[in-house]
């Protein structure tokens, strides 16, 4: 089968399941990851034969896409902040919005040797990106899942980032005073009642422990992290959250109760309330 025949097969097979633009993205990703073809190469090499073993992988990929498995799980890689991160069913797939959070932290904290903590690190995308971009930062990352930490540690090694990974449940963690200058977290914040609004590829394949909180306690993790940060942050230390847009104001009030100041809600590039930053007194 030639490149042109394979692209036609993928597009026809997925035409009724996905929008046209998304199908084109799948084609680009599969050829880039498994044949190292650029978008231009796909056209220039239209008559080139696709190796049999790659053809079989692509046919299997189509089957998995039809079952709504994320393309990142199929190829085993997600791109975030200019880096390639291994992902699997134990980790959330990094979202483009979270890159904005990383950029905000980098831009607002130009000092050297800052002590940074990422809570709920998953694939390690936030912690590793900060370790790579900040000047001599001392980065620590917590997660409650050893399987996620194994993935994150592998990503740190592959990207040459120095990060200390710790198996820690933030709901029961005991902080040390003045331990960090920056704490960041993208914790679980989706209420179970919001499941009906979510895509099946997220519901079926991404770890629910990293996604969902009880309907009657949507700020469960924010409260625990605020309590932890109120002791663990140094004076004038900064706290950064990714949030559920429905609970932005409630998150602000929670942080005020824990003596944080200069609290700000920041919108993402879609115009939605997405992040909160705060300063420790």
Protein backbone atom coordinates (compact mmCIF):
# COMPACT_ATOMS: atom_id res chain seq x y z
CA UNK A 1 0.00 0.00 0.00
CA UNK A 2 1.35 3.45 -0.94
CA UNK A 3 1.34 6.55 1.22
CA UNK A 4 -1.53 7.98 -0.82
CA UNK A 5 -3.54 4.78 -0.50
CA UNK A 6 -2.96 4.65 3.24
CA UNK A 7 -4.00 8.25 3.79
CA UNK A 8 -7.14 7.65 1.74
CA UNK A 9 -7.92 4.53 3.75
CA UNK A 10 -7.54 6.36 7.08
CA UNK A 11 -9.66 9.30 5.95
CA UNK A 12 -12.46 7.10 4.60
CA UNK A 13 -12.49 4.83 7.64
CA UNK A 14 -12.74 7.72 10.10
CA UNK A 15 -14.90 10.10 8.05
CA UNK A 16 -18.13 9.37 9.91
CA UNK A 17 -16.56 9.25 13.38
CA UNK A 18 -14.50 12.47 13.44
CA UNK A 19 -14.50 15.95 11.89
CA UNK A 20 -12.41 16.30 8.74
CA UNK A 21 -9.80 18.51 10.36
CA UNK A 22 -9.29 16.06 13.20
CA UNK A 23 -8.86 13.19 10.74
CA UNK A 24 -6.19 15.15 8.89
CA UNK A 25 -4.41 15.67 12.21
CA UNK A 26 -4.53 11.91 12.89
CA UNK A 27 -2.95 11.22 9.50
CA UNK A 28 -0.21 13.75 10.16
CA UNK A 29 0.53 12.34 13.64
CA UNK A 30 0.62 8.70 12.54
CA UNK A 31 2.97 9.37 9.63
CA UNK A 32 5.15 11.67 11.71
CA UNK A 33 5.50 9.24 14.62
CA UNK A 34 5.87 5.97 12.70
CA UNK A 35 7.54 7.02 9.44
CA UNK A 36 9.07 10.38 10.43
CA UNK A 37 7.21 12.03 7.56
CA UNK A 38 6.43 15.73 7.64
CA UNK A 39 3.16 16.99 6.16
CA UNK A 40 5.07 17.86 2.97
CA UNK A 41 6.60 14.36 2.87
CA UNK A 42 3.13 12.80 2.85
CA UNK A 43 2.50 14.52 -0.49
CA UNK A 44 6.00 14.22 -1.94
CA UNK A 45 6.13 10.50 -1.12
CA UNK A 46 2.57 9.74 -2.19
CA UNK A 47 3.71 6.83 -4.38
CA UNK A 48 6.16 5.34 -1.85
CA UNK A 49 5.25 2.00 -0.32
CA UNK A 50 4.36 1.95 3.36
CA UNK A 51 6.26 -0.91 5.03
CA UNK A 52 4.01 -3.84 5.88
CA UNK A 53 4.59 -3.62 9.64
CA UNK A 54 3.70 0.10 9.59
CA UNK A 55 0.61 -0.59 7.52
CA UNK A 56 -0.56 -3.06 10.15
CA UNK A 57 0.12 -0.56 12.94
CA UNK A 58 -1.89 2.09 11.11
CA UNK A 59 -4.79 -0.27 10.48
CA UNK A 60 -4.81 -1.13 14.17
CA UNK A 61 -4.64 2.58 15.00
CA UNK A 62 -7.77 3.15 12.94
CA UNK A 63 -9.58 0.45 14.91
CA UNK A 64 -8.50 2.05 18.17
CA UNK A 65 -9.55 5.51 16.99
CA UNK A 66 -12.95 4.11 16.07
CA UNK A 67 -13.16 2.92 19.68
CA UNK A 68 -12.41 6.56 20.67
CA UNK A 69 -9.00 5.83 22.16
CA UNK A 70 -6.89 9.03 22.27
CA UNK A 71 -4.34 9.34 19.49
CA UNK A 72 -1.70 10.18 22.14
CA UNK A 73 -2.20 6.78 23.76
CA UNK A 74 -2.01 5.05 20.40
CA UNK A 75 1.36 6.57 19.51
CA UNK A 76 2.42 6.76 23.17
CA UNK A 77 3.46 10.40 22.99
CA UNK A 78 2.01 13.83 23.69
CA UNK A 79 3.63 17.14 22.79
CA UNK A 80 3.78 19.80 25.50
CA UNK A 81 5.76 23.03 25.77
CA UNK A 82 8.05 22.00 22.94
CA UNK A 83 8.84 18.57 24.37
CA UNK A 84 7.71 15.00 23.75
CA UNK A 85 6.20 13.28 26.76
CA UNK A 86 5.41 9.61 27.08
CA UNK A 87 1.81 9.11 28.19
CA UNK A 88 -0.29 6.08 28.97
CA UNK A 89 -3.52 5.14 30.75
CA UNK A 90 -1.98 6.07 34.12
CA UNK A 91 -1.49 9.74 33.18
CA UNK A 92 -3.62 12.55 31.89
CA UNK A 93 -2.85 13.73 28.39
CA UNK A 94 -1.31 17.23 28.68
CA UNK A 95 -3.63 19.95 27.38
CA UNK A 96 -2.54 23.03 25.42
CA UNK A 97 -4.19 25.29 28.01
CA UNK A 98 -1.80 24.01 30.66
CA UNK A 99 1.13 25.27 28.57
CA UNK A 100 -0.24 28.74 29.28
CA UNK A 101 0.05 28.04 33.02
CA UNK A 102 3.68 26.98 32.59
CA UNK A 103 4.45 30.11 30.56
CA UNK A 104 2.82 32.31 33.20
CA UNK A 105 4.98 30.80 35.95
CA UNK A 106 8.16 31.19 33.89
CA UNK A 107 7.37 34.80 32.95
CA UNK A 108 6.46 35.85 36.49
CA UNK A 109 9.40 34.19 38.23
CA UNK A 110 12.71 35.12 36.57
CA UNK A 111 14.83 34.60 39.72
CA UNK A 112 17.33 31.76 39.96
CA UNK A 113 17.41 28.79 42.33
CA UNK A 114 13.69 28.87 43.11
CA UNK A 115 12.24 25.86 44.91
CA UNK A 116 9.23 24.59 42.97
CA UNK A 117 6.61 21.95 43.81
CA UNK A 118 4.18 20.44 41.29
CA UNK A 119 1.30 18.61 43.03
CA UNK A 120 -0.35 15.84 41.03
CA UNK A 121 2.35 15.70 38.39
CA UNK A 122 0.97 12.88 36.20
CA UNK A 123 3.23 12.63 33.17
CA UNK A 124 5.50 15.26 34.72
CA UNK A 125 4.74 17.78 31.99
CA UNK A 126 4.52 20.82 34.28
CA UNK A 127 7.41 19.92 36.57
CA UNK A 128 9.75 18.92 33.75
CA UNK A 129 8.90 21.94 31.59
CA UNK A 130 9.60 24.25 34.53
CA UNK A 131 12.84 22.44 35.35
CA UNK A 132 13.95 22.85 31.75
CA UNK A 133 12.97 26.52 31.42
CA UNK A 134 13.63 28.13 34.82
CA UNK A 135 17.13 29.12 35.91
CA UNK A 136 18.58 26.48 38.24
CA UNK A 137 15.16 25.68 39.72
CA UNK A 138 14.97 22.94 42.33
CA UNK A 139 11.84 21.08 41.27
CA UNK A 140 9.89 18.51 43.27
CA UNK A 141 6.82 16.66 42.03
CA UNK A 142 4.13 14.79 44.00
CA UNK A 143 1.67 12.19 42.79
CA UNK A 144 -0.51 9.61 44.53
CA UNK A 145 0.07 7.10 41.71
CA UNK A 146 3.35 5.18 41.54
CA UNK A 147 2.55 4.20 37.95
CA UNK A 148 2.25 7.88 37.00
CA UNK A 149 5.49 8.69 38.79
CA UNK A 150 7.26 5.94 36.84
CA UNK A 151 6.10 7.55 33.59
CA UNK A 152 7.12 11.01 34.83
CA UNK A 153 10.56 9.82 35.92
CA UNK A 154 11.11 8.27 32.50
CA UNK A 155 10.13 11.54 30.85
CA UNK A 156 12.50 13.51 33.07
CA UNK A 157 15.35 11.16 32.21
CA UNK A 158 14.62 11.34 28.48
CA UNK A 159 14.47 15.14 28.55
CA UNK A 160 17.47 15.65 30.81
CA UNK A 161 15.46 17.38 33.54
CA UNK A 162 16.36 17.13 37.20
CA UNK A 163 13.15 16.60 39.20
CA UNK A 164 12.65 14.94 42.58
CA UNK A 165 9.58 12.68 42.40
CA UNK A 166 7.70 11.71 45.57
CA UNK A 167 4.83 9.29 46.11
CA UNK A 168 2.57 11.59 48.14
CA UNK A 169 -1.16 11.92 48.79
CA UNK A 170 -1.76 15.65 49.17
CA UNK A 171 -4.96 14.94 51.11
CA UNK A 172 -2.86 13.65 54.00
CA UNK A 173 0.57 15.21 53.38
CA UNK A 174 2.33 17.04 56.22
CA UNK A 175 4.18 20.16 55.09
CA UNK A 176 7.47 21.56 56.31
CA UNK A 177 7.67 25.30 56.93
CA UNK A 178 9.02 27.57 54.17
CA UNK A 179 9.95 24.63 51.96
CA UNK A 180 9.03 26.06 48.53
CA UNK A 181 8.96 29.36 46.66
CA UNK A 182 6.37 28.21 44.12
CA UNK A 183 3.64 25.59 44.33
CA UNK A 184 1.64 24.69 41.22
CA UNK A 185 -1.13 22.19 40.73
CA UNK A 186 -3.58 21.06 38.09
CA UNK A 187 -5.61 18.85 40.45
CA UNK A 188 -8.78 16.85 39.84
CA UNK A 189 -11.60 19.38 39.47
CA UNK A 190 -14.36 17.92 37.29
CA UNK A 191 -17.55 17.07 39.16
CA UNK A 192 -19.11 13.68 38.52
CA UNK A 193 -22.26 15.45 37.33
CA UNK A 194 -20.24 16.96 34.47
CA UNK A 195 -19.40 13.57 32.94
CA UNK A 196 -22.23 13.84 30.43
CA UNK A 197 -20.52 16.88 28.89
CA UNK A 198 -17.22 15.08 28.33
CA UNK A 199 -15.87 13.28 25.29
CA UNK A 200 -15.82 9.49 25.39
CA UNK A 201 -12.08 9.35 24.67
CA UNK A 202 -11.49 11.08 28.02
CA UNK A 203 -14.07 9.09 29.99
CA UNK A 204 -12.98 5.70 28.67
CA UNK A 205 -9.21 6.04 28.63
CA UNK A 206 -7.92 8.70 31.04
CA UNK A 207 -7.49 8.04 34.80
CA UNK A 208 -10.61 9.06 36.70
CA UNK A 209 -8.65 9.65 39.90
CA UNK A 210 -6.88 12.49 38.12
CA UNK A 211 -10.10 13.97 36.75
CA UNK A 212 -13.05 13.80 39.10
CA UNK A 213 -14.14 15.14 42.47
CA UNK A 214 -17.41 14.57 44.37
CA UNK A 215 -20.31 16.83 43.43
CA UNK A 216 -20.71 17.83 47.08
CA UNK A 217 -17.03 18.80 47.48
CA UNK A 218 -15.70 20.30 44.22
CA UNK A 219 -12.87 22.14 46.03
CA UNK A 220 -11.59 19.03 47.81
CA UNK A 221 -8.07 19.21 46.41
CA UNK A 222 -7.86 23.02 46.34
CA UNK A 223 -8.63 23.10 50.06
CA UNK A 224 -5.99 20.48 50.85
CA UNK A 225 -3.39 22.20 48.67
CA UNK A 226 -4.16 25.63 50.12
CA UNK A 227 -3.73 24.24 53.65
CA UNK A 228 -0.46 22.59 52.65
CA UNK A 229 0.80 25.67 50.81
CA UNK A 230 -0.04 28.04 53.68
CA UNK A 231 2.80 26.39 55.60
CA UNK A 232 5.04 25.02 52.88
CA UNK A 233 5.42 28.27 50.93
CA UNK A 234 8.08 30.77 51.91
CA UNK A 235 7.00 34.38 52.66
CA UNK A 236 6.00 35.99 49.35
CA UNK A 237 5.85 32.52 47.80
CA UNK A 238 3.40 31.98 44.97
CA UNK A 239 0.60 29.46 44.44
CA UNK A 240 -0.73 28.61 40.98
CA UNK A 241 -3.81 26.52 40.15
CA UNK A 242 -5.57 25.32 37.06
CA UNK A 243 -9.28 25.49 37.93
CA UNK A 244 -12.80 24.50 37.00
CA UNK A 245 -14.25 27.69 35.48
CA UNK A 246 -17.49 27.16 37.42
CA UNK A 247 -15.64 27.50 40.74
CA UNK A 248 -13.24 30.36 40.12
CA UNK A 249 -14.81 32.74 42.63
CA UNK A 250 -15.19 29.96 45.20
CA UNK A 251 -11.49 29.16 44.80
CA UNK A 252 -10.62 32.81 45.37
CA UNK A 253 -12.67 32.88 48.58
CA UNK A 254 -11.00 29.68 49.75
CA UNK A 255 -7.55 31.19 49.25
CA UNK A 256 -8.55 34.34 51.14
CA UNK A 257 -9.52 32.15 54.08
CA UNK A 258 -5.97 30.76 54.10
CA UNK A 259 -4.36 34.22 54.21
CA UNK A 260 -3.33 34.41 50.57
CA UNK A 261 -3.27 37.81 48.92
CA UNK A 262 -2.95 39.29 45.40
CA UNK A 263 -5.33 36.58 44.19
CA UNK A 264 -6.03 36.73 40.48
CA UNK A 265 -8.19 34.71 38.10
CA UNK A 266 -6.58 34.40 34.66
CA UNK A 267 -8.43 33.41 31.49
CA UNK A 268 -7.06 30.94 28.96
CA UNK A 269 -6.79 31.61 25.24
CA UNK A 270 -10.41 30.45 24.81
CA UNK A 271 -11.56 33.24 27.14
CA UNK A 272 -12.50 30.89 29.99
CA UNK A 273 -11.51 31.35 33.62
CA UNK A 274 -8.76 28.73 33.80
CA UNK A 275 -6.06 29.68 36.31
CA UNK A 276 -5.69 31.28 39.71
CA UNK A 277 -2.50 32.76 41.11
CA UNK A 278 -1.98 33.93 44.69
CA UNK A 279 0.73 35.26 46.96
CA UNK A 280 1.63 34.01 50.44
CA UNK A 281 1.70 36.76 53.03
